[in-house]
């Protein structure tokens, strides 16, 4: 029960902070030394026409983004169809 309460408090805190700021407040990098990915983040695949597909990981974060109508979210890139490779730069964050 204590673990569940901690998990839901963490999700509530993420929701409240994201609502206040309009984006996810923190990104937790993975321990992967060869590439940056958000640990336990939302997985997105890119289809042949460039359409984005939810990959099944990060369900709670994805739901929060939908509810809060966030326009940008951190995500882990899953599979990319070979026809969509030229579109990859358009999905990268621009500062």
PDB file of N, CA and C in Angstrom:
ATOM      1  N   UNK A   1       0.832  -1.189   0.000  1.00  0.00           N
ATOM      2  CA  UNK A   1       0.000   0.000   0.000  1.00  0.00           C
ATOM      3  C   UNK A   1       0.882   1.261   0.000  1.00  0.00           C
ATOM      4  N   UNK A   2       1.943   1.235   0.801  1.00  0.00           N
ATOM      5  CA  UNK A   2       2.824   2.398   0.880  1.00  0.00           C
ATOM      6  C   UNK A   2       3.463   2.705  -0.473  1.00  0.00           C
ATOM      7  N   UNK A   3       3.894   1.665  -1.194  1.00  0.00           N
ATOM      8  CA  UNK A   3       4.485   1.857  -2.521  1.00  0.00           C
ATOM      9  C   UNK A   3       3.484   2.481  -3.488  1.00  0.00           C
ATOM     10  N   UNK A   4       2.247   2.032  -3.430  1.00  0.00           N
ATOM     11  CA  UNK A   4       1.204   2.578  -4.305  1.00  0.00           C
ATOM     12  C   UNK A   4       0.938   4.037  -3.967  1.00  0.00           C
ATOM     13  N   UNK A   5       0.876   4.359  -2.682  1.00  0.00           N
ATOM     14  CA  UNK A   5       0.656   5.742  -2.262  1.00  0.00           C
ATOM     15  C   UNK A   5       1.794   6.650  -2.726  1.00  0.00           C
ATOM     16  N   UNK A   6       3.024   6.166  -2.646  1.00  0.00           N
ATOM     17  CA  UNK A   6       4.178   6.941  -3.118  1.00  0.00           C
ATOM     18  C   UNK A   6       4.091   7.174  -4.625  1.00  0.00           C
ATOM     19  N   UNK A   7       3.725   6.118  -5.348  1.00  0.00           N
ATOM     20  CA  UNK A   7       3.621   6.218  -6.809  1.00  0.00           C
ATOM     21  C   UNK A   7       2.567   7.244  -7.208  1.00  0.00           C
ATOM     22  N   UNK A   8       1.402   7.202  -6.582  1.00  0.00           N
ATOM     23  CA  UNK A   8       0.342   8.146  -6.932  1.00  0.00           C
ATOM     24  C   UNK A   8       0.664   9.567  -6.482  1.00  0.00           C
ATOM     25  N   UNK A   9       1.377   9.723  -5.396  1.00  0.00           N
ATOM     26  CA  UNK A   9       1.805  11.065  -4.980  1.00  0.00           C
ATOM     27  C   UNK A   9       2.767  11.632  -6.017  1.00  0.00           C
ATOM     28  N   UNK A  10       3.667  10.782  -6.500  1.00  0.00           N
ATOM     29  CA  UNK A  10       4.617  11.207  -7.532  1.00  0.00           C
ATOM     30  C   UNK A  10       3.873  11.648  -8.800  1.00  0.00           C
ATOM     31  N   UNK A  11       2.858  10.887  -9.198  1.00  0.00           N
ATOM     32  CA  UNK A  11       2.066  11.249 -10.375  1.00  0.00           C
ATOM     33  C   UNK A  11       1.273  12.527 -10.133  1.00  0.00           C
ATOM     34  N   UNK A  12       0.709  12.680  -8.935  1.00  0.00           N
ATOM     35  CA  UNK A  12      -0.019  13.909  -8.600  1.00  0.00           C
ATOM     36  C   UNK A  12       0.909  15.119  -8.651  1.00  0.00           C
ATOM     37  N   UNK A  13       2.113  14.958  -8.112  1.00  0.00           N
ATOM     38  CA  UNK A  13       3.087  16.050  -8.137  1.00  0.00           C
ATOM     39  C   UNK A  13       3.477  16.406  -9.575  1.00  0.00           C
ATOM     40  N   UNK A  14       3.689  15.390 -10.409  1.00  0.00           N
ATOM     41  CA  UNK A  14       4.021  15.617 -11.814  1.00  0.00           C
ATOM     42  C   UNK A  14       2.884  16.354 -12.510  1.00  0.00           C
ATOM     43  N   UNK A  15       1.647  15.930 -12.255  1.00  0.00           N
ATOM     44  CA  UNK A  15       0.488  16.569 -12.865  1.00  0.00           C
ATOM     45  C   UNK A  15       0.406  18.040 -12.450  1.00  0.00           C
ATOM     46  N   UNK A  16       0.489  18.307 -11.149  1.00  0.00           N
ATOM     47  CA  UNK A  16       0.345  19.681 -10.648  1.00  0.00           C
ATOM     48  C   UNK A  16       1.448  20.595 -11.159  1.00  0.00           C
ATOM     49  N   UNK A  17       2.675  20.110 -11.161  1.00  0.00           N
ATOM     50  CA  UNK A  17       3.792  20.920 -11.655  1.00  0.00           C
ATOM     51  C   UNK A  17       3.684  21.148 -13.163  1.00  0.00           C
ATOM     52  N   UNK A  18       3.279  20.119 -13.903  1.00  0.00           N
ATOM     53  CA  UNK A  18       3.118  20.250 -15.352  1.00  0.00           C
ATOM     54  C   UNK A  18       1.993  21.220 -15.684  1.00  0.00           C
ATOM     55  N   UNK A  19       0.928  21.158 -14.929  1.00  0.00           N
ATOM     56  CA  UNK A  19      -0.205  22.068 -15.142  1.00  0.00           C
ATOM     57  C   UNK A  19       0.222  23.512 -14.909  1.00  0.00           C
ATOM     58  N   UNK A  20       1.003  23.728 -13.861  1.00  0.00           N
ATOM     59  CA  UNK A  20       1.453  25.074 -13.514  1.00  0.00           C
ATOM     60  C   UNK A  20       2.404  25.630 -14.579  1.00  0.00           C
ATOM     61  N   UNK A  21       3.337  24.792 -15.043  1.00  0.00           N
ATOM     62  CA  UNK A  21       4.370  25.261 -15.973  1.00  0.00           C
ATOM     63  C   UNK A  21       3.967  25.127 -17.442  1.00  0.00           C
ATOM     64  N   UNK A  22       3.052  24.212 -17.745  1.00  0.00           N
ATOM     65  CA  UNK A  22       2.661  23.988 -19.133  1.00  0.00           C
ATOM     66  C   UNK A  22       3.542  22.990 -19.852  1.00  0.00           C
ATOM     67  N   UNK A  23       4.431  22.332 -19.115  1.00  0.00           N
ATOM     68  CA  UNK A  23       5.293  21.290 -19.673  1.00  0.00           C
ATOM     69  C   UNK A  23       5.770  20.410 -18.530  1.00  0.00           C
ATOM     70  N   UNK A  24       6.389  19.282 -18.867  1.00  0.00           N
ATOM     71  CA  UNK A  24       6.915  18.411 -17.827  1.00  0.00           C
ATOM     72  C   UNK A  24       8.085  19.096 -17.137  1.00  0.00           C
ATOM     73  N   UNK A  25       8.075  19.158 -15.807  1.00  0.00           N
ATOM     74  CA  UNK A  25       9.098  19.908 -15.098  1.00  0.00           C
ATOM     75  C   UNK A  25      10.473  19.264 -15.045  1.00  0.00           C
ATOM     76  N   UNK A  26      10.555  17.966 -15.208  1.00  0.00           N
ATOM     77  CA  UNK A  26      11.854  17.315 -15.094  1.00  0.00           C
ATOM     78  C   UNK A  26      11.949  16.170 -16.082  1.00  0.00           C
ATOM     79  N   UNK A  27      13.154  15.934 -16.513  1.00  0.00           N
ATOM     80  CA  UNK A  27      13.428  14.781 -17.359  1.00  0.00           C
ATOM     81  C   UNK A  27      14.471  13.964 -16.630  1.00  0.00           C
ATOM     82  N   UNK A  28      14.168  12.686 -16.443  1.00  0.00           N
ATOM     83  CA  UNK A  28      15.105  11.812 -15.745  1.00  0.00           C
ATOM     84  C   UNK A  28      15.902  11.032 -16.779  1.00  0.00           C
ATOM     85  N   UNK A  29      17.179  11.376 -16.978  1.00  0.00           N
ATOM     86  CA  UNK A  29      17.971  10.645 -17.965  1.00  0.00           C
ATOM     87  C   UNK A  29      18.174   9.189 -17.560  1.00  0.00           C
ATOM     88  N   UNK A  30      18.261   8.353 -18.548  1.00  0.00           N
ATOM     89  CA  UNK A  30      18.540   6.947 -18.286  1.00  0.00           C
ATOM     90  C   UNK A  30      20.019   6.779 -17.979  1.00  0.00           C
ATOM     91  N   UNK A  31      20.402   5.589 -17.611  1.00  0.00           N
ATOM     92  CA  UNK A  31      21.818   5.294 -17.364  1.00  0.00           C
ATOM     93  C   UNK A  31      22.540   4.893 -18.636  1.00  0.00           C
ATOM     94  N   UNK A  32      21.886   5.072 -19.740  1.00  0.00           N
ATOM     95  CA  UNK A  32      22.432   4.705 -21.029  1.00  0.00           C
ATOM     96  C   UNK A  32      23.497   5.730 -21.431  1.00  0.00           C
ATOM     97  N   UNK A  33      24.737   5.311 -21.582  1.00  0.00           N
ATOM     98  CA  UNK A  33      25.825   6.231 -21.896  1.00  0.00           C
ATOM     99  C   UNK A  33      25.924   6.606 -23.371  1.00  0.00           C
ATOM    100  N   UNK A  34      25.247   5.885 -24.242  1.00  0.00           N
ATOM    101  CA  UNK A  34      25.414   6.151 -25.667  1.00  0.00           C
ATOM    102  C   UNK A  34      24.311   7.009 -26.263  1.00  0.00           C
ATOM    103  N   UNK A  35      23.230   7.243 -25.514  1.00  0.00           N
ATOM    104  CA  UNK A  35      22.149   8.075 -26.044  1.00  0.00           C
ATOM    105  C   UNK A  35      21.303   8.605 -24.902  1.00  0.00           C
ATOM    106  N   UNK A  36      20.718   9.775 -25.100  1.00  0.00           N
ATOM    107  CA  UNK A  36      19.839  10.323 -24.076  1.00  0.00           C
ATOM    108  C   UNK A  36      18.419   9.814 -24.295  1.00  0.00           C
ATOM    109  N   UNK A  37      17.840   9.310 -23.268  1.00  0.00           N
ATOM    110  CA  UNK A  37      16.429   8.937 -23.257  1.00  0.00           C
ATOM    111  C   UNK A  37      15.882   9.236 -21.886  1.00  0.00           C
ATOM    112  N   UNK A  38      14.643   9.626 -21.841  1.00  0.00           N
ATOM    113  CA  UNK A  38      14.019   9.830 -20.545  1.00  0.00           C
ATOM    114  C   UNK A  38      13.725   8.480 -19.933  1.00  0.00           C
ATOM    115  N   UNK A  39      14.157   8.274 -18.710  1.00  0.00           N
ATOM    116  CA  UNK A  39      13.904   7.013 -18.027  1.00  0.00           C
ATOM    117  C   UNK A  39      12.416   6.818 -17.835  1.00  0.00           C
ATOM    118  N   UNK A  40      11.903   5.687 -18.263  1.00  0.00           N
ATOM    119  CA  UNK A  40      10.505   5.325 -18.099  1.00  0.00           C
ATOM    120  C   UNK A  40       9.573   6.341 -18.750  1.00  0.00           C
ATOM    121  N   UNK A  41      10.027   6.957 -19.812  1.00  0.00           N
ATOM    122  CA  UNK A  41       9.236   7.986 -20.477  1.00  0.00           C
ATOM    123  C   UNK A  41       8.286   7.429 -21.504  1.00  0.00           C
ATOM    124  N   UNK A  42       7.662   8.315 -22.225  1.00  0.00           N
ATOM    125  CA  UNK A  42       6.690   7.974 -23.253  1.00  0.00           C
ATOM    126  C   UNK A  42       7.444   7.463 -24.478  1.00  0.00           C
ATOM    127  N   UNK A  43       7.026   6.329 -24.993  1.00  0.00           N
ATOM    128  CA  UNK A  43       7.638   5.776 -26.203  1.00  0.00           C
ATOM    129  C   UNK A  43       6.764   6.121 -27.403  1.00  0.00           C
ATOM    130  N   UNK A  44       7.395   6.683 -28.427  1.00  0.00           N
ATOM    131  CA  UNK A  44       6.688   7.073 -29.645  1.00  0.00           C
ATOM    132  C   UNK A  44       7.377   6.411 -30.841  1.00  0.00           C
ATOM    133  N   UNK A  45       6.573   5.816 -31.726  1.00  0.00           N
ATOM    134  CA  UNK A  45       7.062   5.253 -32.982  1.00  0.00           C
ATOM    135  C   UNK A  45       6.630   6.178 -34.116  1.00  0.00           C
ATOM    136  N   UNK A  46       7.365   6.154 -35.218  1.00  0.00           N
ATOM    137  CA  UNK A  46       7.018   6.983 -36.376  1.00  0.00           C
ATOM    138  C   UNK A  46       6.749   6.071 -37.560  1.00  0.00           C
ATOM    139  N   UNK A  47       5.543   6.216 -38.104  1.00  0.00           N
ATOM    140  CA  UNK A  47       5.117   5.391 -39.231  1.00  0.00           C
ATOM    141  C   UNK A  47       5.649   5.907 -40.552  1.00  0.00           C
ATOM    142  N   UNK A  48       5.361   5.193 -41.659  1.00  0.00           N
ATOM    143  CA  UNK A  48       5.913   5.537 -42.971  1.00  0.00           C
ATOM    144  C   UNK A  48       5.498   6.912 -43.477  1.00  0.00           C
ATOM    145  N   UNK A  49       4.357   7.388 -43.044  1.00  0.00           N
ATOM    146  CA  UNK A  49       3.875   8.697 -43.487  1.00  0.00           C
ATOM    147  C   UNK A  49       4.240   9.810 -42.502  1.00  0.00           C
ATOM    148  N   UNK A  50       5.036   9.472 -41.472  1.00  0.00           N
ATOM    149  CA  UNK A  50       5.424  10.455 -40.474  1.00  0.00           C
ATOM    150  C   UNK A  50       4.463  10.552 -39.309  1.00  0.00           C
ATOM    151  N   UNK A  51       3.410   9.777 -39.356  1.00  0.00           N
ATOM    152  CA  UNK A  51       2.422   9.789 -38.266  1.00  0.00           C
ATOM    153  C   UNK A  51       3.035   9.181 -37.008  1.00  0.00           C
ATOM    154  N   UNK A  52       2.741   9.797 -35.851  1.00  0.00           N
ATOM    155  CA  UNK A  52       3.265   9.335 -34.580  1.00  0.00           C
ATOM    156  C   UNK A  52       2.324   8.308 -33.960  1.00  0.00           C
ATOM    157  N   UNK A  53       2.917   7.273 -33.369  1.00  0.00           N
ATOM    158  CA  UNK A  53       2.145   6.207 -32.729  1.00  0.00           C
ATOM    159  C   UNK A  53       2.647   6.012 -31.307  1.00  0.00           C
ATOM    160  N   UNK A  54       1.718   5.975 -30.361  1.00  0.00           N
ATOM    161  CA  UNK A  54       2.060   5.720 -28.966  1.00  0.00           C
ATOM    162  C   UNK A  54       2.564   4.293 -28.847  1.00  0.00           C
ATOM    163  N   UNK A  55       3.715   4.121 -28.184  1.00  0.00           N
ATOM    164  CA  UNK A  55       4.350   2.820 -28.106  1.00  0.00           C
ATOM    165  C   UNK A  55       3.996   1.979 -26.900  1.00  0.00           C
ATOM    166  N   UNK A  56       3.184   2.487 -25.979  1.00  0.00           N
ATOM    167  CA  UNK A  56       2.754   1.682 -24.848  1.00  0.00           C
ATOM    168  C   UNK A  56       3.511   1.916 -23.562  1.00  0.00           C
ATOM    169  N   UNK A  57       4.678   2.548 -23.628  1.00  0.00           N
ATOM    170  CA  UNK A  57       5.430   2.843 -22.409  1.00  0.00           C
ATOM    171  C   UNK A  57       5.189   4.301 -22.029  1.00  0.00           C
ATOM    172  N   UNK A  58       5.071   4.577 -20.731  1.00  0.00           N
ATOM    173  CA  UNK A  58       4.822   5.940 -20.281  1.00  0.00           C
ATOM    174  C   UNK A  58       3.345   6.297 -20.313  1.00  0.00           C
ATOM    175  N   UNK A  59       2.502   5.321 -20.057  1.00  0.00           N
ATOM    176  CA  UNK A  59       1.056   5.515 -20.151  1.00  0.00           C
ATOM    177  C   UNK A  59       0.556   6.664 -19.278  1.00  0.00           C
ATOM    178  N   UNK A  60       1.016   6.711 -18.034  1.00  0.00           N
ATOM    179  CA  UNK A  60       0.555   7.772 -17.131  1.00  0.00           C
ATOM    180  C   UNK A  60       1.001   9.145 -17.624  1.00  0.00           C
ATOM    181  N   UNK A  61       2.244   9.251 -18.055  1.00  0.00           N
ATOM    182  CA  UNK A  61       2.752  10.530 -18.556  1.00  0.00           C
ATOM    183  C   UNK A  61       2.021  10.951 -19.833  1.00  0.00           C
ATOM    184  N   UNK A  62       1.724   9.984 -20.689  1.00  0.00           N
ATOM    185  CA  UNK A  62       0.997  10.283 -21.920  1.00  0.00           C
ATOM    186  C   UNK A  62      -0.407  10.778 -21.589  1.00  0.00           C
ATOM    187  N   UNK A  63      -1.070  10.136 -20.635  1.00  0.00           N
ATOM    188  CA  UNK A  63      -2.405  10.557 -20.215  1.00  0.00           C
ATOM    189  C   UNK A  63      -2.372  11.973 -19.631  1.00  0.00           C
ATOM    190  N   UNK A  64      -1.352  12.264 -18.816  1.00  0.00           N
ATOM    191  CA  UNK A  64      -1.221  13.614 -18.258  1.00  0.00           C
ATOM    192  C   UNK A  64      -1.058  14.644 -19.376  1.00  0.00           C
ATOM    193  N   UNK A  65      -0.246  14.320 -20.372  1.00  0.00           N
ATOM    194  CA  UNK A  65      -0.026  15.246 -21.489  1.00  0.00           C
ATOM    195  C   UNK A  65      -1.327  15.497 -22.244  1.00  0.00           C
ATOM    196  N   UNK A  66      -2.124  14.452 -22.446  1.00  0.00           N
ATOM    197  CA  UNK A  66      -3.407  14.624 -23.137  1.00  0.00           C
ATOM    198  C   UNK A  66      -4.374  15.469 -22.318  1.00  0.00           C
ATOM    199  N   UNK A  67      -4.488  15.167 -21.040  1.00  0.00           N
ATOM    200  CA  UNK A  67      -5.403  15.905 -20.168  1.00  0.00           C
ATOM    201  C   UNK A  67      -5.010  17.381 -20.079  1.00  0.00           C
ATOM    202  N   UNK A  68      -3.719  17.644 -19.957  1.00  0.00           N
ATOM    203  CA  UNK A  68      -3.236  19.014 -19.839  1.00  0.00           C
ATOM    204  C   UNK A  68      -3.072  19.709 -21.194  1.00  0.00           C
ATOM    205  N   UNK A  69      -3.309  18.978 -22.282  1.00  0.00           N
ATOM    206  CA  UNK A  69      -3.185  19.487 -23.649  1.00  0.00           C
ATOM    207  C   UNK A  69      -1.806  20.098 -23.899  1.00  0.00           C
ATOM    208  N   UNK A  70      -0.762  19.383 -23.429  1.00  0.00           N
ATOM    209  CA  UNK A  70       0.605  19.849 -23.655  1.00  0.00           C
ATOM    210  C   UNK A  70       0.934  19.720 -25.137  1.00  0.00           C
ATOM    211  N   UNK A  71       1.618  20.689 -25.678  1.00  0.00           N
ATOM    212  CA  UNK A  71       1.964  20.654 -27.103  1.00  0.00           C
ATOM    213  C   UNK A  71       3.335  20.056 -27.361  1.00  0.00           C
ATOM    214  N   UNK A  72       4.157  19.940 -26.299  1.00  0.00           N
ATOM    215  CA  UNK A  72       5.475  19.318 -26.413  1.00  0.00           C
ATOM    216  C   UNK A  72       5.675  18.410 -25.217  1.00  0.00           C
ATOM    217  N   UNK A  73       6.233  17.233 -25.471  1.00  0.00           N
ATOM    218  CA  UNK A  73       6.519  16.291 -24.392  1.00  0.00           C
ATOM    219  C   UNK A  73       7.847  15.607 -24.664  1.00  0.00           C
ATOM    220  N   UNK A  74       8.585  15.251 -23.615  1.00  0.00           N
ATOM    221  CA  UNK A  74       9.772  14.437 -23.831  1.00  0.00           C
ATOM    222  C   UNK A  74       9.330  13.012 -24.154  1.00  0.00           C
ATOM    223  N   UNK A  75      10.019  12.381 -25.061  1.00  0.00           N
ATOM    224  CA  UNK A  75       9.630  11.027 -25.454  1.00  0.00           C
ATOM    225  C   UNK A  75      10.856  10.212 -25.832  1.00  0.00           C
ATOM    226  N   UNK A  76      10.702   8.908 -25.706  1.00  0.00           N
ATOM    227  CA  UNK A  76      11.733   7.984 -26.190  1.00  0.00           C
ATOM    228  C   UNK A  76      11.318   7.567 -27.593  1.00  0.00           C
ATOM    229  N   UNK A  77      12.229   7.673 -28.513  1.00  0.00           N
ATOM    230  CA  UNK A  77      11.938   7.270 -29.876  1.00  0.00           C
ATOM    231  C   UNK A  77      12.026   5.756 -29.982  1.00  0.00           C
ATOM    232  N   UNK A  78      10.980   5.169 -30.487  1.00  0.00           N
ATOM    233  CA  UNK A  78      10.951   3.723 -30.682  1.00  0.00           C
ATOM    234  C   UNK A  78      11.369   3.401 -32.111  1.00  0.00           C
ATOM    235  N   UNK A  79      10.522   2.713 -32.822  1.00  0.00           N
ATOM    236  CA  UNK A  79      10.798   2.338 -34.215  1.00  0.00           C
ATOM    237  C   UNK A  79      10.463   3.485 -35.152  1.00  0.00           C
ATOM    238  N   UNK A  80      11.292   3.640 -36.168  1.00  0.00           N
ATOM    239  CA  UNK A  80      11.047   4.649 -37.197  1.00  0.00           C
ATOM    240  C   UNK A  80      11.032   3.929 -38.536  1.00  0.00           C
ATOM    241  N   UNK A  81       9.926   4.070 -39.259  1.00  0.00           N
ATOM    242  CA  UNK A  81       9.853   3.459 -40.586  1.00  0.00           C
ATOM    243  C   UNK A  81      10.885   4.124 -41.485  1.00  0.00           C
ATOM    244  N   UNK A  82      11.506   3.346 -42.351  1.00  0.00           N
ATOM    245  CA  UNK A  82      12.573   3.864 -43.216  1.00  0.00           C
ATOM    246  C   UNK A  82      12.098   5.055 -44.050  1.00  0.00           C
ATOM    247  N   UNK A  83      10.834   5.067 -44.468  1.00  0.00           N
ATOM    248  CA  UNK A  83      10.309   6.184 -45.264  1.00  0.00           C
ATOM    249  C   UNK A  83      10.182   7.474 -44.445  1.00  0.00           C
ATOM    250  N   UNK A  84      10.177   7.355 -43.118  1.00  0.00           N
ATOM    251  CA  UNK A  84      10.023   8.526 -42.252  1.00  0.00           C
ATOM    252  C   UNK A  84      11.364   9.107 -41.804  1.00  0.00           C
ATOM    253  N   UNK A  85      12.459   8.458 -42.139  1.00  0.00           N
ATOM    254  CA  UNK A  85      13.772   8.957 -41.700  1.00  0.00           C
ATOM    255  C   UNK A  85      14.033  10.417 -42.079  1.00  0.00           C
ATOM    256  N   UNK A  86      13.670  10.857 -43.282  1.00  0.00           N
ATOM    257  CA  UNK A  86      13.910  12.267 -43.617  1.00  0.00           C
ATOM    258  C   UNK A  86      13.110  13.245 -42.741  1.00  0.00           C
ATOM    259  N   UNK A  87      12.073  12.766 -42.074  1.00  0.00           N
ATOM    260  CA  UNK A  87      11.233  13.635 -41.243  1.00  0.00           C
ATOM    261  C   UNK A  87      11.764  13.806 -39.827  1.00  0.00           C
ATOM    262  N   UNK A  88      12.741  12.989 -39.424  1.00  0.00           N
ATOM    263  CA  UNK A  88      13.237  13.029 -38.048  1.00  0.00           C
ATOM    264  C   UNK A  88      13.645  14.435 -37.572  1.00  0.00           C
ATOM    265  N   UNK A  89      14.364  15.214 -38.366  1.00  0.00           N
ATOM    266  CA  UNK A  89      14.769  16.548 -37.873  1.00  0.00           C
ATOM    267  C   UNK A  89      13.579  17.425 -37.479  1.00  0.00           C
ATOM    268  N   UNK A  90      12.445  17.246 -38.123  1.00  0.00           N
ATOM    269  CA  UNK A  90      11.285  18.084 -37.815  1.00  0.00           C
ATOM    270  C   UNK A  90      10.672  17.761 -36.451  1.00  0.00           C
ATOM    271  N   UNK A  91      11.003  16.596 -35.879  1.00  0.00           N
ATOM    272  CA  UNK A  91      10.468  16.223 -34.570  1.00  0.00           C
ATOM    273  C   UNK A  91      11.412  16.576 -33.440  1.00  0.00           C
ATOM    274  N   UNK A  92      12.599  16.976 -33.738  1.00  0.00           N
ATOM    275  CA  UNK A  92      13.570  17.308 -32.703  1.00  0.00           C
ATOM    276  C   UNK A  92      13.268  18.663 -32.120  1.00  0.00           C
ATOM    277  N   UNK A  93      13.560  18.805 -30.836  1.00  0.00           N
ATOM    278  CA  UNK A  93      13.327  20.082 -30.152  1.00  0.00           C
ATOM    279  C   UNK A  93      14.260  21.131 -30.698  1.00  0.00           C
ATOM    280  N   UNK A  94      13.692  22.273 -30.962  1.00  0.00           N
ATOM    281  CA  UNK A  94      14.488  23.396 -31.454  1.00  0.00           C
ATOM    282  C   UNK A  94      14.502  24.461 -30.363  1.00  0.00           C
ATOM    283  N   UNK A  95      15.673  24.976 -30.085  1.00  0.00           N
ATOM    284  CA  UNK A  95      15.783  25.981 -29.021  1.00  0.00           C
ATOM    285  C   UNK A  95      15.853  27.364 -29.572  1.00  0.00           C
TER     286      UNK A  95
END
